[in-house]
N, C-alpha and C. Protein backbone atom coordinates (compact mmCIF):
# COMPACT_ATOMS: atom_id res chain seq x y z
N MET A 1 71.82 -13.08 71.06
CA MET A 1 72.86 -13.59 71.95
C MET A 1 73.71 -12.42 72.41
N LEU A 2 74.01 -12.38 73.68
CA LEU A 2 74.84 -11.32 74.26
C LEU A 2 76.16 -11.89 74.71
N ARG A 3 77.22 -11.12 74.54
CA ARG A 3 78.54 -11.53 75.04
C ARG A 3 79.09 -10.40 75.90
N ILE A 4 79.53 -10.75 77.08
CA ILE A 4 80.15 -9.75 77.96
C ILE A 4 81.62 -10.10 78.09
N ALA A 5 82.48 -9.15 77.79
CA ALA A 5 83.92 -9.37 77.90
C ALA A 5 84.46 -8.51 79.03
N LEU A 6 85.14 -9.14 79.98
CA LEU A 6 85.79 -8.42 81.07
C LEU A 6 87.28 -8.53 80.88
N MET A 7 87.96 -7.42 80.81
CA MET A 7 89.41 -7.44 80.60
C MET A 7 90.11 -6.86 81.82
N LEU A 8 91.14 -7.57 82.27
CA LEU A 8 91.87 -7.17 83.47
C LEU A 8 93.36 -7.15 83.17
N ASP A 9 94.02 -6.09 83.54
CA ASP A 9 95.45 -5.97 83.33
C ASP A 9 96.17 -7.04 84.16
N ALA A 10 97.14 -7.71 83.54
CA ALA A 10 97.86 -8.80 84.21
C ALA A 10 98.55 -8.33 85.49
N ASP A 11 99.13 -7.13 85.46
CA ASP A 11 99.82 -6.60 86.65
C ASP A 11 98.86 -6.44 87.82
N HIS A 12 97.62 -6.04 87.51
CA HIS A 12 96.61 -5.88 88.56
C HIS A 12 96.27 -7.23 89.19
N LEU A 13 96.18 -8.26 88.33
CA LEU A 13 95.88 -9.60 88.85
C LEU A 13 97.02 -10.11 89.72
N PHE A 14 98.27 -9.83 89.32
CA PHE A 14 99.43 -10.22 90.14
C PHE A 14 99.35 -9.55 91.50
N THR A 15 98.93 -8.28 91.52
CA THR A 15 98.80 -7.54 92.78
C THR A 15 97.73 -8.17 93.67
N LEU A 16 96.60 -8.55 93.05
CA LEU A 16 95.51 -9.16 93.81
C LEU A 16 95.92 -10.51 94.40
N ALA A 17 96.80 -11.22 93.70
CA ALA A 17 97.22 -12.56 94.14
C ALA A 17 98.33 -12.52 95.17
N ASN A 18 98.73 -11.34 95.58
CA ASN A 18 99.84 -11.19 96.53
C ASN A 18 99.61 -12.05 97.77
N GLY A 19 100.56 -12.95 98.03
CA GLY A 19 100.45 -13.83 99.19
C GLY A 19 99.74 -15.14 98.88
N ASP A 20 99.14 -15.27 97.69
CA ASP A 20 98.41 -16.48 97.31
C ASP A 20 98.88 -16.96 95.94
N GLU A 21 100.13 -16.65 95.62
CA GLU A 21 100.66 -16.95 94.28
C GLU A 21 100.69 -18.44 93.99
N ASP A 22 100.97 -19.27 95.00
CA ASP A 22 101.06 -20.72 94.77
C ASP A 22 99.74 -21.28 94.26
N ARG A 23 98.66 -20.81 94.85
CA ARG A 23 97.34 -21.32 94.46
C ARG A 23 97.00 -20.94 93.03
N PHE A 24 97.38 -19.72 92.63
CA PHE A 24 97.03 -19.22 91.30
C PHE A 24 98.21 -19.31 90.33
N TYR A 25 99.14 -20.24 90.61
CA TYR A 25 100.33 -20.35 89.79
C TYR A 25 99.99 -20.57 88.31
N THR A 26 99.05 -21.48 88.04
CA THR A 26 98.69 -21.80 86.65
C THR A 26 98.20 -20.57 85.91
N VAL A 27 97.34 -19.81 86.56
CA VAL A 27 96.78 -18.60 85.93
C VAL A 27 97.87 -17.56 85.73
N LEU A 28 98.64 -17.31 86.78
CA LEU A 28 99.68 -16.28 86.71
C LEU A 28 100.77 -16.64 85.70
N LYS A 29 101.11 -17.93 85.61
CA LYS A 29 102.14 -18.38 84.67
C LYS A 29 101.70 -18.09 83.23
N SER A 30 100.42 -18.28 82.94
CA SER A 30 99.92 -18.07 81.58
C SER A 30 99.93 -16.58 81.20
N LEU A 31 100.03 -15.71 82.20
CA LEU A 31 100.01 -14.27 81.93
C LEU A 31 101.41 -13.65 81.90
N GLU A 32 102.44 -14.46 82.16
CA GLU A 32 103.80 -13.92 82.24
C GLU A 32 104.27 -13.28 80.93
N LYS A 33 103.77 -13.78 79.80
CA LYS A 33 104.20 -13.26 78.50
C LYS A 33 103.51 -11.95 78.15
N LYS A 34 102.61 -11.51 79.01
CA LYS A 34 101.88 -10.25 78.81
C LYS A 34 100.97 -10.31 77.58
N ALA A 35 100.69 -11.51 77.11
CA ALA A 35 99.80 -11.67 75.96
C ALA A 35 98.38 -11.90 76.46
N PRO A 36 97.36 -11.55 75.67
CA PRO A 36 95.98 -11.80 76.10
C PRO A 36 95.76 -13.28 76.38
N CYS A 37 95.01 -13.56 77.44
CA CYS A 37 94.77 -14.95 77.84
C CYS A 37 93.28 -15.14 78.02
N ARG A 38 92.72 -16.17 77.38
CA ARG A 38 91.28 -16.43 77.47
C ARG A 38 91.08 -17.80 78.09
N MET A 39 90.29 -17.86 79.17
CA MET A 39 90.04 -19.12 79.85
C MET A 39 88.56 -19.46 79.75
N VAL A 40 88.27 -20.49 78.97
CA VAL A 40 86.89 -20.86 78.69
C VAL A 40 86.46 -21.96 79.64
N ASP A 41 85.28 -21.82 80.20
CA ASP A 41 84.71 -22.84 81.06
C ASP A 41 83.21 -22.58 81.18
N ALA A 42 82.53 -23.42 81.91
CA ALA A 42 81.08 -23.27 82.06
C ALA A 42 80.73 -22.03 82.87
N ILE A 43 79.59 -21.44 82.55
CA ILE A 43 79.06 -20.32 83.34
C ILE A 43 78.18 -20.93 84.43
N THR A 44 78.55 -20.72 85.68
CA THR A 44 77.80 -21.29 86.79
C THR A 44 76.55 -20.44 87.05
N PRO A 45 75.57 -20.96 87.79
CA PRO A 45 74.39 -20.16 88.12
C PRO A 45 74.74 -18.85 88.83
N ALA A 46 75.76 -18.89 89.70
CA ALA A 46 76.17 -17.67 90.42
C ALA A 46 76.72 -16.63 89.45
N MET A 47 77.52 -17.09 88.47
CA MET A 47 78.05 -16.18 87.46
C MET A 47 76.92 -15.58 86.62
N LEU A 48 75.96 -16.43 86.25
CA LEU A 48 74.84 -15.98 85.43
C LEU A 48 74.04 -14.90 86.16
N ALA A 49 73.86 -15.07 87.46
CA ALA A 49 73.12 -14.07 88.25
C ALA A 49 73.84 -12.72 88.23
N ILE A 50 75.18 -12.76 88.35
CA ILE A 50 75.97 -11.51 88.32
C ILE A 50 75.87 -10.86 86.94
N LEU A 51 75.97 -11.66 85.89
CA LEU A 51 75.88 -11.12 84.53
C LEU A 51 74.53 -10.43 84.29
N LYS A 52 73.48 -11.04 84.79
CA LYS A 52 72.15 -10.44 84.64
C LYS A 52 72.07 -9.11 85.40
N GLN A 53 72.68 -9.06 86.58
CA GLN A 53 72.69 -7.81 87.35
C GLN A 53 73.47 -6.73 86.60
N MET A 54 74.55 -7.12 85.93
CA MET A 54 75.33 -6.16 85.16
C MET A 54 74.53 -5.63 83.97
N LEU A 55 73.82 -6.54 83.31
CA LEU A 55 73.04 -6.14 82.13
C LEU A 55 71.86 -5.25 82.49
N HIS A 56 71.36 -5.40 83.70
CA HIS A 56 70.20 -4.62 84.14
C HIS A 56 70.57 -3.66 85.27
N CYS A 57 71.73 -3.05 85.16
CA CYS A 57 72.19 -2.11 86.19
C CYS A 57 71.21 -0.94 86.33
N PRO A 58 70.70 -0.69 87.53
CA PRO A 58 69.69 0.37 87.71
C PRO A 58 70.28 1.77 87.89
N TYR A 59 71.62 1.89 87.84
CA TYR A 59 72.27 3.17 88.12
C TYR A 59 72.83 3.81 86.86
N CYS A 60 73.31 5.04 87.02
CA CYS A 60 73.97 5.73 85.91
C CYS A 60 75.12 6.58 86.46
N GLY A 61 75.98 7.04 85.55
CA GLY A 61 77.09 7.89 85.96
C GLY A 61 78.10 7.17 86.84
N MET A 62 78.62 7.87 87.82
CA MET A 62 79.64 7.33 88.70
C MET A 62 79.13 6.12 89.47
N THR A 63 77.87 6.17 89.91
CA THR A 63 77.30 5.05 90.66
C THR A 63 77.27 3.78 89.80
N GLN A 64 76.95 3.94 88.54
CA GLN A 64 76.94 2.81 87.62
C GLN A 64 78.34 2.21 87.48
N ARG A 65 79.35 3.08 87.34
CA ARG A 65 80.72 2.60 87.18
C ARG A 65 81.16 1.80 88.41
N ILE A 66 80.88 2.33 89.60
CA ILE A 66 81.25 1.63 90.84
C ILE A 66 80.53 0.28 90.93
N PHE A 67 79.24 0.29 90.59
CA PHE A 67 78.43 -0.94 90.64
C PHE A 67 79.00 -1.99 89.69
N LEU A 68 79.29 -1.58 88.44
CA LEU A 68 79.78 -2.53 87.44
C LEU A 68 81.19 -3.04 87.77
N GLU A 69 82.04 -2.15 88.31
CA GLU A 69 83.38 -2.59 88.69
C GLU A 69 83.30 -3.60 89.83
N GLY A 70 82.39 -3.36 90.78
CA GLY A 70 82.20 -4.29 91.88
C GLY A 70 81.72 -5.65 91.40
N LYS A 71 80.76 -5.64 90.45
CA LYS A 71 80.24 -6.89 89.90
C LYS A 71 81.30 -7.61 89.08
N ALA A 72 82.15 -6.84 88.38
CA ALA A 72 83.23 -7.44 87.59
C ALA A 72 84.21 -8.16 88.52
N MET A 73 84.53 -7.56 89.66
CA MET A 73 85.42 -8.20 90.63
C MET A 73 84.77 -9.45 91.23
N GLU A 74 83.47 -9.37 91.47
CA GLU A 74 82.74 -10.52 92.00
C GLU A 74 82.77 -11.67 90.99
N LEU A 75 82.60 -11.33 89.71
CA LEU A 75 82.64 -12.32 88.64
C LEU A 75 84.04 -12.93 88.55
N LEU A 76 85.06 -12.10 88.68
CA LEU A 76 86.44 -12.57 88.66
C LEU A 76 86.70 -13.56 89.80
N ALA A 77 86.14 -13.25 90.97
CA ALA A 77 86.31 -14.15 92.12
C ALA A 77 85.73 -15.52 91.82
N HIS A 78 84.54 -15.55 91.22
CA HIS A 78 83.91 -16.83 90.86
C HIS A 78 84.75 -17.58 89.83
N LYS A 79 85.28 -16.84 88.85
CA LYS A 79 86.09 -17.46 87.79
C LYS A 79 87.37 -18.05 88.36
N LEU A 80 88.05 -17.29 89.22
CA LEU A 80 89.30 -17.79 89.82
C LEU A 80 89.04 -19.00 90.71
N GLU A 81 87.94 -18.98 91.43
CA GLU A 81 87.58 -20.13 92.27
C GLU A 81 87.29 -21.35 91.42
N GLN A 82 86.72 -21.11 90.22
CA GLN A 82 86.41 -22.21 89.31
C GLN A 82 87.70 -22.82 88.75
N ILE A 83 88.67 -21.95 88.43
CA ILE A 83 89.94 -22.42 87.86
C ILE A 83 90.84 -23.03 88.93
N CYS A 84 90.90 -22.37 90.09
CA CYS A 84 91.80 -22.81 91.18
C CYS A 84 91.01 -22.94 92.48
N PRO A 85 90.17 -23.97 92.60
CA PRO A 85 89.34 -24.10 93.80
C PRO A 85 90.18 -24.28 95.06
N CYS A 86 89.71 -23.66 96.14
CA CYS A 86 90.45 -23.77 97.40
C CYS A 86 89.94 -24.90 98.27
N GLY A 87 88.79 -25.48 97.91
CA GLY A 87 88.25 -26.60 98.68
C GLY A 87 87.53 -26.16 99.94
N CYS A 88 87.24 -24.85 100.07
CA CYS A 88 86.55 -24.37 101.27
C CYS A 88 85.42 -23.43 100.88
N ASP A 89 84.67 -23.82 99.84
CA ASP A 89 83.62 -22.93 99.33
C ASP A 89 82.27 -23.16 99.97
N GLY A 90 82.22 -24.06 100.96
CA GLY A 90 80.95 -24.26 101.65
C GLY A 90 80.02 -25.23 100.94
N THR A 91 80.45 -25.85 99.83
CA THR A 91 79.57 -26.77 99.12
C THR A 91 79.64 -28.17 99.70
N GLY A 92 80.62 -28.42 100.58
CA GLY A 92 80.77 -29.75 101.13
C GLY A 92 81.67 -30.63 100.28
N ILE A 93 82.26 -30.07 99.23
CA ILE A 93 83.16 -30.84 98.37
C ILE A 93 84.59 -30.52 98.77
N ASN A 94 85.38 -31.55 99.05
CA ASN A 94 86.77 -31.29 99.40
C ASN A 94 87.59 -31.04 98.14
N ALA A 95 88.81 -30.59 98.31
CA ALA A 95 89.67 -30.21 97.18
C ALA A 95 89.92 -31.39 96.26
N SER A 96 90.06 -32.58 96.82
CA SER A 96 90.32 -33.78 96.01
C SER A 96 89.15 -34.09 95.08
N ASP A 97 87.92 -34.04 95.63
CA ASP A 97 86.73 -34.31 94.81
C ASP A 97 86.53 -33.23 93.75
N THR A 98 86.83 -31.97 94.12
CA THR A 98 86.71 -30.89 93.15
C THR A 98 87.67 -31.11 92.00
N GLU A 99 88.87 -31.54 92.32
CA GLU A 99 89.87 -31.82 91.28
C GLU A 99 89.40 -32.97 90.39
N ARG A 100 88.79 -33.99 90.98
CA ARG A 100 88.27 -35.12 90.20
C ARG A 100 87.15 -34.69 89.26
N VAL A 101 86.30 -33.77 89.73
CA VAL A 101 85.21 -33.26 88.90
C VAL A 101 85.76 -32.47 87.71
N HIS A 102 86.77 -31.65 87.96
CA HIS A 102 87.39 -30.90 86.86
C HIS A 102 88.06 -31.84 85.87
N TYR A 103 88.65 -32.92 86.38
CA TYR A 103 89.26 -33.92 85.51
C TYR A 103 88.18 -34.61 84.67
N ALA A 104 87.05 -34.93 85.30
CA ALA A 104 85.93 -35.55 84.58
C ALA A 104 85.44 -34.62 83.47
N ALA A 105 85.36 -33.33 83.76
CA ALA A 105 84.91 -32.35 82.76
C ALA A 105 85.87 -32.33 81.57
N ARG A 106 87.17 -32.38 81.85
CA ARG A 106 88.16 -32.39 80.76
C ARG A 106 88.04 -33.66 79.92
N LEU A 107 87.82 -34.81 80.58
CA LEU A 107 87.65 -36.06 79.85
C LEU A 107 86.41 -36.03 78.96
N LEU A 108 85.34 -35.43 79.47
CA LEU A 108 84.09 -35.36 78.70
C LEU A 108 84.24 -34.61 77.39
N VAL A 109 84.99 -33.52 77.41
CA VAL A 109 85.05 -32.65 76.23
C VAL A 109 86.34 -32.85 75.42
N HIS A 110 87.18 -33.80 75.83
CA HIS A 110 88.44 -34.04 75.11
C HIS A 110 88.18 -34.49 73.67
N ASP A 111 87.22 -35.39 73.51
CA ASP A 111 86.85 -35.89 72.18
C ASP A 111 85.33 -35.83 72.07
N LEU A 112 84.83 -34.73 71.52
CA LEU A 112 83.38 -34.51 71.49
C LEU A 112 82.64 -35.55 70.65
N GLU A 113 83.33 -36.12 69.66
CA GLU A 113 82.69 -37.15 68.83
C GLU A 113 82.52 -38.46 69.58
N ASN A 114 83.46 -38.75 70.47
CA ASN A 114 83.43 -40.02 71.20
C ASN A 114 83.69 -39.82 72.69
N PRO A 115 82.78 -39.16 73.39
CA PRO A 115 83.00 -38.93 74.82
C PRO A 115 82.82 -40.23 75.60
N PRO A 116 83.43 -40.33 76.77
CA PRO A 116 83.27 -41.56 77.56
C PRO A 116 81.84 -41.68 78.09
N ASP A 117 81.35 -42.92 78.22
CA ASP A 117 80.04 -43.10 78.84
C ASP A 117 80.19 -42.90 80.35
N ILE A 118 79.08 -42.84 81.05
CA ILE A 118 79.11 -42.47 82.47
C ILE A 118 79.89 -43.49 83.31
N MET A 119 79.81 -44.79 82.94
CA MET A 119 80.53 -45.81 83.71
C MET A 119 82.04 -45.67 83.52
N THR A 120 82.47 -45.42 82.29
CA THR A 120 83.90 -45.21 82.01
C THR A 120 84.39 -43.97 82.74
N LEU A 121 83.55 -42.93 82.73
CA LEU A 121 83.92 -41.67 83.38
C LEU A 121 84.09 -41.84 84.88
N THR A 122 83.14 -42.53 85.51
CA THR A 122 83.22 -42.72 86.96
C THR A 122 84.45 -43.55 87.34
N ARG A 123 84.77 -44.56 86.54
CA ARG A 123 85.97 -45.37 86.81
C ARG A 123 87.23 -44.53 86.65
N SER A 124 87.25 -43.67 85.63
CA SER A 124 88.44 -42.87 85.34
C SER A 124 88.76 -41.87 86.44
N VAL A 125 87.72 -41.33 87.08
CA VAL A 125 87.94 -40.29 88.09
C VAL A 125 87.84 -40.80 89.52
N GLY A 126 87.39 -42.05 89.68
CA GLY A 126 87.34 -42.64 91.02
C GLY A 126 86.20 -42.15 91.89
N LEU A 127 85.08 -41.79 91.26
CA LEU A 127 83.87 -41.40 92.02
C LEU A 127 82.72 -42.26 91.55
N ASN A 128 81.81 -42.64 92.47
CA ASN A 128 80.65 -43.39 92.01
C ASN A 128 79.69 -42.46 91.27
N ARG A 129 78.74 -43.04 90.58
CA ARG A 129 77.84 -42.27 89.71
C ARG A 129 77.09 -41.17 90.44
N ASN A 130 76.51 -41.50 91.58
CA ASN A 130 75.72 -40.52 92.33
C ASN A 130 76.58 -39.37 92.83
N LYS A 131 77.76 -39.71 93.35
CA LYS A 131 78.64 -38.65 93.88
C LYS A 131 79.15 -37.77 92.74
N LEU A 132 79.46 -38.37 91.60
CA LEU A 132 79.93 -37.59 90.46
C LEU A 132 78.86 -36.59 90.03
N HIS A 133 77.62 -37.05 89.92
CA HIS A 133 76.51 -36.16 89.52
C HIS A 133 76.33 -35.03 90.53
N ARG A 134 76.34 -35.39 91.82
CA ARG A 134 76.13 -34.39 92.87
C ARG A 134 77.25 -33.35 92.87
N CYS A 135 78.50 -33.83 92.83
CA CYS A 135 79.63 -32.90 92.86
C CYS A 135 79.70 -32.07 91.58
N PHE A 136 79.36 -32.69 90.44
CA PHE A 136 79.38 -31.98 89.17
C PHE A 136 78.40 -30.82 89.19
N ARG A 137 77.21 -31.07 89.74
CA ARG A 137 76.21 -30.00 89.83
C ARG A 137 76.67 -28.88 90.75
N GLN A 138 77.35 -29.23 91.83
CA GLN A 138 77.79 -28.22 92.77
C GLN A 138 78.94 -27.38 92.21
N VAL A 139 79.80 -28.00 91.39
CA VAL A 139 80.92 -27.28 90.81
C VAL A 139 80.51 -26.49 89.57
N PHE A 140 79.75 -27.12 88.66
CA PHE A 140 79.43 -26.50 87.37
C PHE A 140 77.97 -26.04 87.23
N GLY A 141 77.13 -26.41 88.20
CA GLY A 141 75.73 -25.98 88.11
C GLY A 141 74.92 -26.77 87.12
N ARG A 142 75.42 -27.90 86.67
CA ARG A 142 74.69 -28.74 85.71
C ARG A 142 75.22 -30.16 85.77
N SER A 143 74.49 -31.09 85.17
CA SER A 143 74.90 -32.49 85.17
C SER A 143 76.02 -32.70 84.15
N PRO A 144 76.74 -33.83 84.25
CA PRO A 144 77.77 -34.10 83.25
C PRO A 144 77.22 -34.10 81.82
N PHE A 145 76.02 -34.66 81.63
CA PHE A 145 75.42 -34.68 80.29
C PHE A 145 75.14 -33.27 79.79
N GLU A 146 74.58 -32.42 80.66
CA GLU A 146 74.31 -31.03 80.26
C GLU A 146 75.59 -30.28 79.95
N TYR A 147 76.64 -30.55 80.72
CA TYR A 147 77.94 -29.92 80.49
C TYR A 147 78.48 -30.32 79.11
N LEU A 148 78.42 -31.61 78.80
CA LEU A 148 78.88 -32.10 77.50
C LEU A 148 78.05 -31.50 76.37
N ARG A 149 76.73 -31.51 76.54
CA ARG A 149 75.84 -30.96 75.50
C ARG A 149 76.17 -29.49 75.22
N ASN A 150 76.36 -28.71 76.27
CA ASN A 150 76.68 -27.29 76.08
C ASN A 150 77.99 -27.09 75.34
N HIS A 151 79.00 -27.89 75.68
CA HIS A 151 80.29 -27.78 74.99
C HIS A 151 80.16 -28.21 73.53
N ARG A 152 79.38 -29.25 73.28
CA ARG A 152 79.17 -29.69 71.90
C ARG A 152 78.50 -28.59 71.08
N LEU A 153 77.48 -27.99 71.64
CA LEU A 153 76.74 -26.96 70.90
C LEU A 153 77.58 -25.70 70.71
N GLN A 154 78.38 -25.35 71.71
CA GLN A 154 79.25 -24.18 71.57
C GLN A 154 80.32 -24.43 70.50
N ALA A 155 80.83 -25.67 70.45
CA ALA A 155 81.81 -26.02 69.41
C ALA A 155 81.16 -25.97 68.04
N ALA A 156 79.92 -26.45 67.94
CA ALA A 156 79.19 -26.40 66.67
C ALA A 156 78.95 -24.96 66.24
N MET A 157 78.62 -24.11 67.19
CA MET A 157 78.42 -22.68 66.91
C MET A 157 79.69 -22.08 66.30
N GLN A 158 80.84 -22.38 66.88
CA GLN A 158 82.11 -21.85 66.36
C GLN A 158 82.40 -22.37 64.96
N LEU A 159 82.10 -23.65 64.71
CA LEU A 159 82.32 -24.23 63.38
C LEU A 159 81.44 -23.54 62.34
N LEU A 160 80.17 -23.33 62.69
CA LEU A 160 79.24 -22.70 61.75
C LEU A 160 79.59 -21.23 61.52
N GLN A 161 80.04 -20.55 62.57
CA GLN A 161 80.42 -19.15 62.41
C GLN A 161 81.67 -19.01 61.53
N GLY A 162 82.50 -20.08 61.51
CA GLY A 162 83.68 -20.06 60.65
C GLY A 162 83.32 -20.04 59.18
N GLY A 163 82.12 -20.56 58.84
CA GLY A 163 81.62 -20.49 57.47
C GLY A 163 82.12 -21.58 56.54
N GLU A 164 82.98 -22.47 57.02
CA GLU A 164 83.53 -23.51 56.14
C GLU A 164 82.90 -24.87 56.39
N THR A 165 81.97 -24.94 57.33
CA THR A 165 81.35 -26.21 57.70
C THR A 165 79.84 -26.10 57.56
N ASN A 166 79.20 -27.07 56.91
CA ASN A 166 77.74 -27.03 56.83
C ASN A 166 77.14 -27.64 58.09
N VAL A 167 75.83 -27.58 58.20
CA VAL A 167 75.15 -28.00 59.43
C VAL A 167 75.38 -29.48 59.74
N THR A 168 75.27 -30.33 58.72
CA THR A 168 75.46 -31.77 58.93
C THR A 168 76.88 -32.07 59.39
N GLU A 169 77.87 -31.44 58.74
CA GLU A 169 79.26 -31.65 59.12
C GLU A 169 79.52 -31.19 60.55
N ALA A 170 78.99 -30.03 60.90
CA ALA A 170 79.18 -29.51 62.25
C ALA A 170 78.57 -30.44 63.28
N ALA A 171 77.36 -30.94 63.00
CA ALA A 171 76.69 -31.85 63.92
C ALA A 171 77.51 -33.12 64.14
N LEU A 172 78.01 -33.70 63.05
CA LEU A 172 78.80 -34.93 63.16
C LEU A 172 80.13 -34.69 63.87
N MET A 173 80.75 -33.54 63.61
CA MET A 173 82.05 -33.25 64.21
C MET A 173 81.98 -33.08 65.73
N VAL A 174 80.81 -32.70 66.25
CA VAL A 174 80.68 -32.54 67.70
C VAL A 174 79.93 -33.70 68.35
N GLY A 175 79.67 -34.76 67.56
CA GLY A 175 79.12 -35.98 68.15
C GLY A 175 77.64 -36.21 68.01
N TYR A 176 76.93 -35.41 67.20
CA TYR A 176 75.50 -35.63 66.98
C TYR A 176 75.31 -36.44 65.71
N THR A 177 74.63 -37.58 65.82
CA THR A 177 74.33 -38.39 64.63
C THR A 177 72.92 -38.14 64.13
N ASN A 178 72.07 -37.58 64.97
CA ASN A 178 70.68 -37.27 64.60
C ASN A 178 70.58 -35.77 64.32
N LEU A 179 70.43 -35.41 63.05
CA LEU A 179 70.44 -34.01 62.65
C LEU A 179 69.26 -33.23 63.22
N SER A 180 68.07 -33.85 63.26
CA SER A 180 66.90 -33.13 63.78
C SER A 180 67.05 -32.87 65.28
N TYR A 181 67.64 -33.82 66.00
CA TYR A 181 67.87 -33.62 67.44
C TYR A 181 68.89 -32.52 67.66
N PHE A 182 69.94 -32.52 66.83
CA PHE A 182 70.96 -31.46 66.91
C PHE A 182 70.34 -30.09 66.67
N THR A 183 69.51 -29.99 65.62
CA THR A 183 68.87 -28.71 65.28
C THR A 183 67.99 -28.21 66.42
N LYS A 184 67.23 -29.13 67.02
CA LYS A 184 66.35 -28.77 68.13
C LYS A 184 67.15 -28.29 69.34
N ALA A 185 68.22 -29.02 69.68
CA ALA A 185 69.06 -28.65 70.83
C ALA A 185 69.77 -27.32 70.58
N PHE A 186 70.24 -27.11 69.35
CA PHE A 186 70.95 -25.88 68.99
C PHE A 186 70.01 -24.68 69.10
N LYS A 187 68.80 -24.83 68.55
CA LYS A 187 67.84 -23.72 68.59
C LYS A 187 67.40 -23.43 70.02
N SER A 188 67.28 -24.49 70.84
CA SER A 188 66.89 -24.30 72.23
C SER A 188 67.95 -23.51 73.00
N MET A 189 69.23 -23.75 72.68
CA MET A 189 70.30 -23.09 73.41
C MET A 189 70.58 -21.67 72.89
N PHE A 190 70.57 -21.50 71.57
CA PHE A 190 70.98 -20.22 71.00
C PHE A 190 69.83 -19.37 70.45
N GLY A 191 68.63 -19.95 70.37
CA GLY A 191 67.49 -19.17 69.90
C GLY A 191 67.43 -19.01 68.39
N VAL A 192 68.25 -19.73 67.66
CA VAL A 192 68.25 -19.64 66.19
C VAL A 192 68.64 -21.02 65.64
N ALA A 193 68.04 -21.37 64.52
CA ALA A 193 68.35 -22.67 63.90
C ALA A 193 69.76 -22.61 63.31
N PRO A 194 70.50 -23.73 63.36
CA PRO A 194 71.88 -23.70 62.85
C PRO A 194 71.99 -23.32 61.39
N GLY A 195 71.00 -23.73 60.58
CA GLY A 195 71.01 -23.39 59.16
C GLY A 195 70.92 -21.87 58.95
N LYS A 196 70.10 -21.20 59.71
CA LYS A 196 69.96 -19.75 59.58
C LYS A 196 71.21 -19.05 60.04
N LEU A 197 71.83 -19.57 61.07
CA LEU A 197 73.06 -18.95 61.58
C LEU A 197 74.14 -18.99 60.51
N ARG A 198 74.25 -20.12 59.81
CA ARG A 198 75.29 -20.25 58.80
C ARG A 198 75.03 -19.29 57.64
N LYS A 199 73.77 -19.11 57.26
CA LYS A 199 73.44 -18.17 56.18
C LYS A 199 73.81 -16.75 56.57
């Protein structure tokens, strides 16, 4: 498993947001204390493509630095658009529907043990099933079920890495009642069985 961390000075981000502070108010407000801020969300297909380009950079020296800095800024643009969508990204989703999709995502992962079913979710956000699925894929690059599954497995990974939770407990805490299904899904996502990870 690879992890890429991009760190940006808060003052630099304030400079970049010059003239667009209202849109990025939530992000900028969280950085006012000058403390490190981590914003977790799904990795979209576009972000994944950039990350792969960074990992397989064909250059070296100064050219490599320029290439990686450019890709880092491109990744930042995708992340900021994900956090504060402007509603004009060319996907055909208006700002209201994008906001509803983000609300649906928050509802899905609020209680991993007891997430809402699709009918409850559609009623809560005011979108029909087909539109929710279509908009969800355009915003997050995956279906609501895939989004929930990924968050459940990532939460289980964190529990197991903490070392105080066994595999069965971790599976139950993130909403899996079938241990063999959990193990299969976990290994498919992370390339290692949960039991081996805990050891």
